[in-house]
Amino acid sequence: MERTLKVSISGIRGIIGAGLDAATLVSYVNAYALLMKPRSTIALGRDTRISGSAIVNIVSGALAMAGHTVLDLGIVPTPTVLFTVRKRKFAGGIIVTASHNPIEWNALKFAGAGGRFLVQRQIDELIREQKKNSPITNPALRTGGIGEYPCAIQDHIDAIVASVDAKSPAGRLLTNMN
């Protein structure tokens, strides 16, 4: 099977087992972990693809082994991960989603502080670090933790509703729905 891994400003994406595998995921997550300040908190969300759960486990483990705290948001829209990173002042976020690609594909999209996708300079740095493929080693007491943050979608909805002018047509519609 042909290797399909594609690396761009949008992150990394590929077909599971044909370019996107556990070793590849760990090498890119390790590179991303090195871009973050030590012992940072990283949000992690995913779409509904069947491979998403396994990828989240790999990504969470790699980030925790690198000393970061991971908060798994669960299945959430990409903008919710970005919102959560910004609102909670996390160091970054990773979204496991291949967007419009067929079901056998999956991907990692990387965000930094402020809930913004990494810019080209940061992606170039991530790629340089990934090519070094240096494993991150931490003693047991320096590993991070993995937790859940199940209220990310509700936080995002609440922020959207709060931003709507109740006197506008959209605001009146929203008010009448409740």
N, C-alpha and C. Protein backbone atom coordinates (compact mmCIF):
# COMPACT_ATOMS: atom_id res chain seq x y z
N MET A 1 0.85 -1.18 0.00
CA MET A 1 0.00 0.00 0.00
C MET A 1 0.90 1.25 0.00
N GLU A 2 0.55 2.21 -0.81
CA GLU A 2 1.31 3.45 -0.92
C GLU A 2 1.19 4.29 0.35
N ARG A 3 2.30 4.90 0.76
CA ARG A 3 2.28 5.79 1.93
C ARG A 3 1.60 7.09 1.54
N THR A 4 0.73 7.56 2.41
CA THR A 4 -0.10 8.71 2.07
C THR A 4 0.13 9.94 2.92
N LEU A 5 1.10 9.91 3.81
CA LEU A 5 1.25 11.00 4.77
C LEU A 5 1.46 12.33 4.07
N LYS A 6 0.65 13.31 4.46
CA LYS A 6 0.75 14.66 3.93
C LYS A 6 0.98 15.60 5.10
N VAL A 7 1.99 16.44 4.98
CA VAL A 7 2.35 17.38 6.04
C VAL A 7 2.23 18.78 5.45
N SER A 8 1.47 19.64 6.13
CA SER A 8 1.28 21.01 5.63
C SER A 8 0.93 21.93 6.79
N ILE A 9 0.61 23.15 6.46
CA ILE A 9 0.18 24.14 7.45
C ILE A 9 -1.06 23.63 8.19
N SER A 10 -1.81 22.73 7.55
CA SER A 10 -3.02 22.16 8.17
C SER A 10 -2.71 21.04 9.15
N GLY A 11 -1.44 20.64 9.27
CA GLY A 11 -1.08 19.56 10.19
C GLY A 11 -0.59 18.35 9.41
N ILE A 12 -0.84 17.17 9.96
CA ILE A 12 -0.46 15.94 9.26
C ILE A 12 -1.72 15.12 9.03
N ARG A 13 -1.79 14.49 7.87
CA ARG A 13 -2.94 13.63 7.59
C ARG A 13 -2.50 12.48 6.70
N GLY A 14 -3.21 11.38 6.84
CA GLY A 14 -2.88 10.22 6.03
C GLY A 14 -3.86 9.11 6.28
N ILE A 15 -3.67 8.04 5.54
CA ILE A 15 -4.50 6.85 5.69
C ILE A 15 -3.93 6.02 6.82
N ILE A 16 -4.79 5.59 7.71
CA ILE A 16 -4.37 4.76 8.84
C ILE A 16 -3.72 3.49 8.30
N GLY A 17 -2.49 3.23 8.74
CA GLY A 17 -1.76 2.04 8.33
C GLY A 17 -0.99 2.21 7.03
N ALA A 18 -1.15 3.34 6.36
CA ALA A 18 -0.43 3.58 5.10
C ALA A 18 0.17 4.99 5.13
N GLY A 19 0.91 5.25 6.18
CA GLY A 19 1.53 6.56 6.33
C GLY A 19 1.22 7.17 7.68
N LEU A 20 0.05 6.90 8.18
CA LEU A 20 -0.32 7.41 9.51
C LEU A 20 -0.44 6.20 10.44
N ASP A 21 0.58 6.03 11.26
CA ASP A 21 0.62 4.90 12.19
C ASP A 21 1.07 5.41 13.55
N ALA A 22 1.14 4.53 14.52
CA ALA A 22 1.47 4.93 15.89
C ALA A 22 2.84 5.61 15.98
N ALA A 23 3.83 5.06 15.32
CA ALA A 23 5.18 5.63 15.40
C ALA A 23 5.21 7.04 14.79
N THR A 24 4.51 7.23 13.70
CA THR A 24 4.45 8.55 13.06
C THR A 24 3.74 9.54 13.95
N LEU A 25 2.61 9.12 14.52
CA LEU A 25 1.86 9.99 15.43
C LEU A 25 2.74 10.43 16.60
N VAL A 26 3.42 9.48 17.23
CA VAL A 26 4.26 9.80 18.39
C VAL A 26 5.38 10.75 17.99
N SER A 27 5.99 10.55 16.82
CA SER A 27 7.10 11.43 16.44
C SER A 27 6.63 12.86 16.22
N TYR A 28 5.45 13.05 15.64
CA TYR A 28 4.93 14.41 15.45
C TYR A 28 4.44 15.02 16.76
N VAL A 29 3.83 14.21 17.61
CA VAL A 29 3.37 14.72 18.90
C VAL A 29 4.57 15.10 19.77
N ASN A 30 5.63 14.29 19.74
CA ASN A 30 6.85 14.65 20.47
C ASN A 30 7.41 15.98 19.98
N ALA A 31 7.42 16.18 18.66
CA ALA A 31 7.90 17.44 18.11
C ALA A 31 7.03 18.60 18.57
N TYR A 32 5.72 18.40 18.56
CA TYR A 32 4.79 19.44 19.02
C TYR A 32 5.03 19.73 20.51
N ALA A 33 5.22 18.67 21.29
CA ALA A 33 5.44 18.83 22.74
C ALA A 33 6.66 19.69 23.01
N LEU A 34 7.67 19.58 22.17
CA LEU A 34 8.88 20.39 22.35
C LEU A 34 8.64 21.87 22.05
N LEU A 35 7.62 22.18 21.24
CA LEU A 35 7.29 23.57 20.93
C LEU A 35 6.58 24.26 22.11
N MET A 36 5.97 23.46 22.97
CA MET A 36 5.22 23.99 24.10
C MET A 36 6.14 24.25 25.28
N LYS A 37 5.76 25.21 26.12
CA LYS A 37 6.50 25.42 27.36
C LYS A 37 6.40 24.15 28.19
N PRO A 38 7.46 23.82 28.94
CA PRO A 38 7.42 22.61 29.77
C PRO A 38 6.21 22.60 30.70
N ARG A 39 5.65 21.42 30.87
CA ARG A 39 4.56 21.16 31.82
C ARG A 39 3.32 22.01 31.51
N SER A 40 3.01 22.16 30.24
CA SER A 40 1.85 22.93 29.79
C SER A 40 0.59 22.07 29.79
N THR A 41 -0.55 22.74 29.66
CA THR A 41 -1.82 22.04 29.49
C THR A 41 -2.23 22.13 28.03
N ILE A 42 -2.59 20.99 27.47
CA ILE A 42 -2.95 20.86 26.07
C ILE A 42 -4.38 20.30 25.97
N ALA A 43 -5.23 20.96 25.20
CA ALA A 43 -6.58 20.45 24.94
C ALA A 43 -6.51 19.46 23.78
N LEU A 44 -7.34 18.44 23.83
CA LEU A 44 -7.36 17.42 22.79
C LEU A 44 -8.81 17.10 22.46
N GLY A 45 -9.18 17.24 21.20
CA GLY A 45 -10.53 16.92 20.76
C GLY A 45 -10.47 16.11 19.49
N ARG A 46 -11.61 15.50 19.15
CA ARG A 46 -11.62 14.66 17.95
C ARG A 46 -12.99 14.67 17.29
N ASP A 47 -13.01 14.17 16.05
CA ASP A 47 -14.28 13.98 15.37
C ASP A 47 -14.75 12.54 15.59
N THR A 48 -15.73 12.10 14.84
CA THR A 48 -16.36 10.80 15.10
C THR A 48 -15.74 9.63 14.33
N ARG A 49 -14.64 9.84 13.66
CA ARG A 49 -14.03 8.74 12.92
C ARG A 49 -13.69 7.58 13.84
N ILE A 50 -13.84 6.38 13.33
CA ILE A 50 -13.62 5.18 14.14
C ILE A 50 -12.19 5.10 14.68
N SER A 51 -11.21 5.62 13.94
CA SER A 51 -9.81 5.58 14.39
C SER A 51 -9.49 6.65 15.42
N GLY A 52 -10.40 7.59 15.64
CA GLY A 52 -10.14 8.73 16.53
C GLY A 52 -9.82 8.34 17.96
N SER A 53 -10.54 7.39 18.49
CA SER A 53 -10.33 6.99 19.89
C SER A 53 -8.93 6.44 20.10
N ALA A 54 -8.48 5.57 19.21
CA ALA A 54 -7.13 5.01 19.33
C ALA A 54 -6.07 6.10 19.18
N ILE A 55 -6.30 7.03 18.25
CA ILE A 55 -5.33 8.11 18.05
C ILE A 55 -5.27 9.01 19.28
N VAL A 56 -6.42 9.31 19.86
CA VAL A 56 -6.45 10.13 21.08
C VAL A 56 -5.64 9.47 22.19
N ASN A 57 -5.75 8.16 22.31
CA ASN A 57 -4.97 7.45 23.34
C ASN A 57 -3.47 7.59 23.09
N ILE A 58 -3.05 7.46 21.84
CA ILE A 58 -1.63 7.59 21.49
C ILE A 58 -1.15 9.02 21.77
N VAL A 59 -1.92 10.00 21.29
CA VAL A 59 -1.55 11.41 21.45
C VAL A 59 -1.50 11.78 22.93
N SER A 60 -2.51 11.38 23.69
CA SER A 60 -2.55 11.67 25.13
C SER A 60 -1.34 11.09 25.83
N GLY A 61 -1.05 9.85 25.54
CA GLY A 61 0.09 9.18 26.18
C GLY A 61 1.41 9.86 25.84
N ALA A 62 1.60 10.21 24.58
CA ALA A 62 2.85 10.86 24.17
C ALA A 62 3.00 12.22 24.84
N LEU A 63 1.92 12.99 24.90
CA LEU A 63 1.99 14.31 25.55
C LEU A 63 2.26 14.17 27.05
N ALA A 64 1.60 13.22 27.69
CA ALA A 64 1.82 13.01 29.13
C ALA A 64 3.25 12.55 29.40
N MET A 65 3.77 11.66 28.57
CA MET A 65 5.15 11.21 28.74
C MET A 65 6.14 12.36 28.53
N ALA A 66 5.72 13.36 27.75
CA ALA A 66 6.57 14.53 27.52
C ALA A 66 6.43 15.55 28.65
N GLY A 67 5.58 15.24 29.64
CA GLY A 67 5.46 16.11 30.81
C GLY A 67 4.30 17.08 30.78
N HIS A 68 3.44 16.98 29.76
CA HIS A 68 2.31 17.90 29.66
C HIS A 68 1.05 17.30 30.28
N THR A 69 0.13 18.17 30.65
CA THR A 69 -1.18 17.75 31.11
C THR A 69 -2.12 17.81 29.91
N VAL A 70 -2.86 16.74 29.70
CA VAL A 70 -3.79 16.65 28.58
C VAL A 70 -5.21 16.66 29.11
N LEU A 71 -6.04 17.53 28.54
CA LEU A 71 -7.47 17.51 28.86
C LEU A 71 -8.22 17.10 27.61
N ASP A 72 -8.80 15.91 27.67
CA ASP A 72 -9.54 15.34 26.55
C ASP A 72 -10.95 15.93 26.54
N LEU A 73 -11.28 16.64 25.48
CA LEU A 73 -12.59 17.27 25.35
C LEU A 73 -13.62 16.31 24.78
N GLY A 74 -13.16 15.18 24.25
CA GLY A 74 -14.06 14.21 23.64
C GLY A 74 -14.34 14.56 22.19
N ILE A 75 -15.51 14.15 21.72
CA ILE A 75 -15.92 14.44 20.36
C ILE A 75 -16.51 15.85 20.34
N VAL A 76 -15.80 16.74 19.68
CA VAL A 76 -16.19 18.16 19.64
C VAL A 76 -15.84 18.75 18.28
N PRO A 77 -16.51 19.82 17.89
CA PRO A 77 -16.12 20.52 16.66
C PRO A 77 -14.74 21.17 16.83
N THR A 78 -14.02 21.29 15.74
CA THR A 78 -12.70 21.93 15.76
C THR A 78 -12.74 23.31 16.43
N PRO A 79 -13.72 24.18 16.09
CA PRO A 79 -13.73 25.49 16.74
C PRO A 79 -13.87 25.42 18.27
N THR A 80 -14.47 24.37 18.79
CA THR A 80 -14.61 24.23 20.24
C THR A 80 -13.25 23.98 20.88
N VAL A 81 -12.39 23.23 20.23
CA VAL A 81 -11.03 23.03 20.77
C VAL A 81 -10.31 24.37 20.79
N LEU A 82 -10.39 25.11 19.70
CA LEU A 82 -9.71 26.41 19.62
C LEU A 82 -10.27 27.37 20.67
N PHE A 83 -11.59 27.39 20.84
CA PHE A 83 -12.22 28.24 21.85
C PHE A 83 -11.73 27.87 23.25
N THR A 84 -11.69 26.58 23.54
CA THR A 84 -11.28 26.12 24.87
C THR A 84 -9.83 26.50 25.16
N VAL A 85 -8.96 26.34 24.19
CA VAL A 85 -7.56 26.73 24.37
C VAL A 85 -7.48 28.22 24.72
N ARG A 86 -8.22 29.03 23.98
CA ARG A 86 -8.19 30.49 24.22
C ARG A 86 -8.82 30.84 25.57
N LYS A 87 -10.02 30.33 25.82
CA LYS A 87 -10.78 30.67 27.03
C LYS A 87 -10.07 30.22 28.31
N ARG A 88 -9.53 29.02 28.30
CA ARG A 88 -8.89 28.46 29.49
C ARG A 88 -7.39 28.79 29.57
N LYS A 89 -6.90 29.51 28.56
CA LYS A 89 -5.49 29.92 28.50
C LYS A 89 -4.53 28.72 28.51
N PHE A 90 -4.90 27.67 27.76
CA PHE A 90 -4.04 26.52 27.61
C PHE A 90 -2.90 26.87 26.65
N ALA A 91 -1.83 26.11 26.71
CA ALA A 91 -0.68 26.34 25.83
C ALA A 91 -0.99 25.99 24.38
N GLY A 92 -1.89 25.04 24.18
CA GLY A 92 -2.20 24.62 22.82
C GLY A 92 -3.27 23.56 22.79
N GLY A 93 -3.46 23.03 21.60
CA GLY A 93 -4.47 22.00 21.42
C GLY A 93 -4.17 21.18 20.17
N ILE A 94 -4.66 19.97 20.19
CA ILE A 94 -4.55 19.09 19.02
C ILE A 94 -5.95 18.60 18.71
N ILE A 95 -6.30 18.67 17.43
CA ILE A 95 -7.59 18.19 16.97
C ILE A 95 -7.33 16.97 16.08
N VAL A 96 -7.98 15.86 16.40
CA VAL A 96 -7.86 14.64 15.62
C VAL A 96 -9.06 14.63 14.66
N THR A 97 -8.81 15.02 13.42
CA THR A 97 -9.87 15.10 12.42
C THR A 97 -9.26 15.18 11.03
N ALA A 98 -9.84 14.47 10.09
CA ALA A 98 -9.38 14.56 8.70
C ALA A 98 -10.39 15.32 7.86
N SER A 99 -11.26 16.07 8.52
CA SER A 99 -12.22 16.95 7.85
C SER A 99 -12.97 16.24 6.72
N HIS A 100 -12.75 16.70 5.51
CA HIS A 100 -13.50 16.23 4.35
C HIS A 100 -12.94 14.96 3.73
N ASN A 101 -11.82 14.45 4.23
CA ASN A 101 -11.21 13.26 3.63
C ASN A 101 -12.03 12.01 3.93
N PRO A 102 -11.86 10.96 3.10
CA PRO A 102 -12.59 9.71 3.32
C PRO A 102 -12.31 9.10 4.70
N ILE A 103 -13.16 8.19 5.12
CA ILE A 103 -13.16 7.63 6.47
C ILE A 103 -11.86 6.93 6.85
N GLU A 104 -11.13 6.39 5.88
CA GLU A 104 -9.88 5.69 6.21
C GLU A 104 -8.74 6.66 6.55
N TRP A 105 -8.95 7.94 6.34
CA TRP A 105 -7.98 8.96 6.67
C TRP A 105 -8.20 9.46 8.10
N ASN A 106 -7.14 10.00 8.68
CA ASN A 106 -7.27 10.78 9.89
C ASN A 106 -6.10 11.75 9.94
N ALA A 107 -6.12 12.65 10.92
CA ALA A 107 -5.13 13.71 10.91
C ALA A 107 -4.97 14.30 12.30
N LEU A 108 -3.88 15.06 12.44
CA LEU A 108 -3.65 15.88 13.62
C LEU A 108 -3.55 17.32 13.15
N LYS A 109 -4.36 18.18 13.73
CA LYS A 109 -4.27 19.62 13.48
C LYS A 109 -3.76 20.25 14.76
N PHE A 110 -2.76 21.09 14.65
CA PHE A 110 -2.07 21.63 15.81
C PHE A 110 -2.43 23.10 16.04
N ALA A 111 -2.74 23.43 17.29
CA ALA A 111 -3.03 24.81 17.68
C ALA A 111 -2.05 25.22 18.77
N GLY A 112 -1.80 26.51 18.83
CA GLY A 112 -0.93 27.06 19.85
C GLY A 112 -1.72 27.94 20.81
N ALA A 113 -1.00 28.71 21.57
CA ALA A 113 -1.61 29.61 22.54
C ALA A 113 -2.58 30.55 21.83
N GLY A 114 -3.61 30.95 22.54
CA GLY A 114 -4.61 31.84 21.97
C GLY A 114 -5.62 31.12 21.11
N GLY A 115 -5.51 29.79 21.01
CA GLY A 115 -6.46 29.03 20.22
C GLY A 115 -6.34 29.28 18.73
N ARG A 116 -5.13 29.48 18.27
CA ARG A 116 -4.88 29.71 16.84
C ARG A 116 -4.07 28.55 16.29
N PHE A 117 -4.40 28.18 15.04
CA PHE A 117 -3.59 27.15 14.39
C PHE A 117 -2.15 27.63 14.27
N LEU A 118 -1.22 26.69 14.30
CA LEU A 118 0.18 27.04 14.15
C LEU A 118 0.39 27.73 12.80
N VAL A 119 1.26 28.72 12.78
CA VAL A 119 1.60 29.42 11.54
C VAL A 119 2.75 28.67 10.86
N GLN A 120 3.05 29.06 9.63
CA GLN A 120 4.04 28.33 8.84
C GLN A 120 5.39 28.21 9.55
N ARG A 121 5.85 29.26 10.20
CA ARG A 121 7.12 29.22 10.92
C ARG A 121 7.09 28.13 12.00
N GLN A 122 5.98 28.03 12.71
CA GLN A 122 5.86 27.02 13.76
C GLN A 122 5.77 25.61 13.17
N ILE A 123 5.05 25.48 12.06
CA ILE A 123 4.96 24.17 11.39
C ILE A 123 6.35 23.76 10.90
N ASP A 124 7.10 24.70 10.33
CA ASP A 124 8.47 24.39 9.88
C ASP A 124 9.33 23.92 11.05
N GLU A 125 9.17 24.56 12.21
CA GLU A 125 9.92 24.15 13.40
C GLU A 125 9.49 22.76 13.87
N LEU A 126 8.19 22.51 13.83
CA LEU A 126 7.67 21.20 14.20
C LEU A 126 8.25 20.12 13.29
N ILE A 127 8.29 20.38 11.99
CA ILE A 127 8.84 19.42 11.03
C ILE A 127 10.33 19.18 11.29
N ARG A 128 11.08 20.25 11.57
CA ARG A 128 12.51 20.08 11.89
C ARG A 128 12.69 19.19 13.12
N GLU A 129 11.90 19.43 14.15
CA GLU A 129 12.00 18.61 15.37
C GLU A 129 11.59 17.17 15.09
N GLN A 130 10.56 16.98 14.29
CA GLN A 130 10.09 15.63 13.98
C GLN A 130 11.16 14.86 13.22
N LYS A 131 11.87 15.53 12.32
CA LYS A 131 12.92 14.85 11.54
C LYS A 131 14.06 14.39 12.44
N LYS A 132 14.31 15.11 13.53
CA LYS A 132 15.32 14.67 14.50
C LYS A 132 14.86 13.39 15.16
N ASN A 133 13.54 13.25 15.33
CA ASN A 133 12.90 12.07 15.92
C ASN A 133 13.55 11.65 17.23
N SER A 134 13.84 12.66 18.04
CA SER A 134 14.43 12.39 19.35
C SER A 134 13.32 12.07 20.34
N PRO A 135 13.34 10.88 20.92
CA PRO A 135 12.30 10.58 21.90
C PRO A 135 12.43 11.49 23.12
N ILE A 136 11.32 11.85 23.68
CA ILE A 136 11.32 12.67 24.89
C ILE A 136 11.33 11.71 26.07
N THR A 137 12.31 11.87 26.91
CA THR A 137 12.40 11.00 28.08
C THR A 137 12.29 11.83 29.34
N ASN A 138 11.40 11.45 30.19
CA ASN A 138 11.19 12.10 31.47
C ASN A 138 11.18 11.04 32.55
N PRO A 139 11.73 11.34 33.71
CA PRO A 139 11.58 10.41 34.82
C PRO A 139 10.10 10.34 35.23
N ALA A 140 9.74 9.30 35.90
CA ALA A 140 8.34 9.06 36.26
C ALA A 140 7.68 10.25 36.94
N LEU A 141 8.39 10.94 37.80
CA LEU A 141 7.78 12.04 38.54
C LEU A 141 7.65 13.31 37.70
N ARG A 142 8.12 13.30 36.45
CA ARG A 142 8.01 14.47 35.58
C ARG A 142 6.99 14.25 34.46
N THR A 143 6.32 13.11 34.46
CA THR A 143 5.32 12.89 33.43
C THR A 143 4.08 13.73 33.76
N GLY A 144 3.30 13.98 32.73
CA GLY A 144 2.08 14.77 32.91
C GLY A 144 0.89 13.88 33.21
N GLY A 145 -0.26 14.50 33.27
CA GLY A 145 -1.48 13.75 33.55
C GLY A 145 -2.44 13.82 32.39
N ILE A 146 -3.43 12.95 32.43
CA ILE A 146 -4.47 12.92 31.41
C ILE A 146 -5.81 13.00 32.13
N GLY A 147 -6.61 13.98 31.74
CA GLY A 147 -7.93 14.14 32.34
C GLY A 147 -8.96 14.43 31.26
N GLU A 148 -10.16 14.65 31.69
CA GLU A 148 -11.25 14.96 30.76
C GLU A 148 -11.80 16.35 31.05
N TYR A 149 -12.30 16.97 30.03
CA TYR A 149 -12.97 18.26 30.18
C TYR A 149 -14.28 18.16 29.38
N PRO A 150 -15.30 17.55 29.98
CA PRO A 150 -16.53 17.25 29.24
C PRO A 150 -17.46 18.43 28.99
N CYS A 151 -17.18 19.58 29.54
CA CYS A 151 -18.11 20.70 29.38
C CYS A 151 -17.66 21.69 28.30
N ALA A 152 -16.72 21.32 27.45
CA ALA A 152 -16.20 22.23 26.43
C ALA A 152 -17.29 22.71 25.47
N ILE A 153 -18.13 21.81 25.01
CA ILE A 153 -19.18 22.22 24.07
C ILE A 153 -20.15 23.18 24.75
N GLN A 154 -20.56 22.89 25.97
CA GLN A 154 -21.49 23.78 26.66
C GLN A 154 -20.86 25.15 26.92
N ASP A 155 -19.59 25.16 27.29
CA ASP A 155 -18.89 26.45 27.46
C ASP A 155 -18.92 27.26 26.18
N HIS A 156 -18.68 26.58 25.06
CA HIS A 156 -18.66 27.26 23.76
C HIS A 156 -20.06 27.78 23.40
N ILE A 157 -21.07 26.97 23.60
CA ILE A 157 -22.45 27.40 23.33
C ILE A 157 -22.81 28.60 24.20
N ASP A 158 -22.49 28.52 25.48
CA ASP A 158 -22.81 29.62 26.40
C ASP A 158 -22.15 30.92 25.95
N ALA A 159 -20.90 30.83 25.48
CA ALA A 159 -20.19 32.03 25.02
C ALA A 159 -20.84 32.60 23.77
N ILE A 160 -21.29 31.74 22.88
CA ILE A 160 -21.96 32.21 21.66
C ILE A 160 -23.27 32.89 22.01
N VAL A 161 -24.07 32.24 22.86
CA VAL A 161 -25.37 32.81 23.25
C VAL A 161 -25.16 34.15 23.96
N ALA A 162 -24.17 34.22 24.82
CA ALA A 162 -23.91 35.47 25.56
C ALA A 162 -23.49 36.61 24.63
N SER A 163 -22.95 36.26 23.48
CA SER A 163 -22.48 37.30 22.57
C SER A 163 -23.57 37.81 21.63
N VAL A 164 -24.74 37.18 21.66
CA VAL A 164 -25.83 37.59 20.77
C VAL A 164 -26.62 38.73 21.41
N ASP A 165 -26.86 39.77 20.65
CA ASP A 165 -27.67 40.90 21.10
C ASP A 165 -29.13 40.45 21.15
N ALA A 166 -29.71 40.43 22.33
CA ALA A 166 -31.07 39.94 22.52
C ALA A 166 -32.10 40.75 21.73
N LYS A 167 -31.76 41.97 21.34
CA LYS A 167 -32.70 42.81 20.60
C LYS A 167 -32.59 42.62 19.09
N SER A 168 -31.55 41.94 18.63
CA SER A 168 -31.39 41.70 17.20
C SER A 168 -32.35 40.59 16.76
N PRO A 169 -32.61 40.45 15.46
CA PRO A 169 -33.48 39.36 14.99
C PRO A 169 -32.99 37.99 15.44
N ALA A 170 -31.68 37.76 15.36
CA ALA A 170 -31.13 36.47 15.79
C ALA A 170 -31.32 36.29 17.29
N GLY A 171 -31.13 37.36 18.04
CA GLY A 171 -31.31 37.31 19.50
C GLY A 171 -32.74 37.01 19.88
N ARG A 172 -33.67 37.61 19.19
CA ARG A 172 -35.10 37.34 19.49
C ARG A 172 -35.43 35.89 19.16
N LEU A 173 -34.90 35.39 18.06
CA LEU A 173 -35.12 33.99 17.69
C LEU A 173 -34.57 33.06 18.76
N LEU A 174 -33.38 33.34 19.24
CA LEU A 174 -32.75 32.52 20.27
C LEU A 174 -33.55 32.57 21.56
N THR A 175 -34.02 33.75 21.93
CA THR A 175 -34.80 33.93 23.15
C THR A 175 -36.11 33.14 23.06
N ASN A 176 -36.74 33.15 21.90
CA ASN A 176 -38.00 32.44 21.72
C ASN A 176 -37.81 30.94 21.71
N MET A 177 -36.63 30.45 21.42
CA MET A 177 -36.36 29.01 21.40
C MET A 177 -36.24 28.45 22.81
N ASN A 178 -35.83 29.28 23.74
CA ASN A 178 -35.60 28.80 25.12
C ASN A 178 -36.87 28.77 25.86
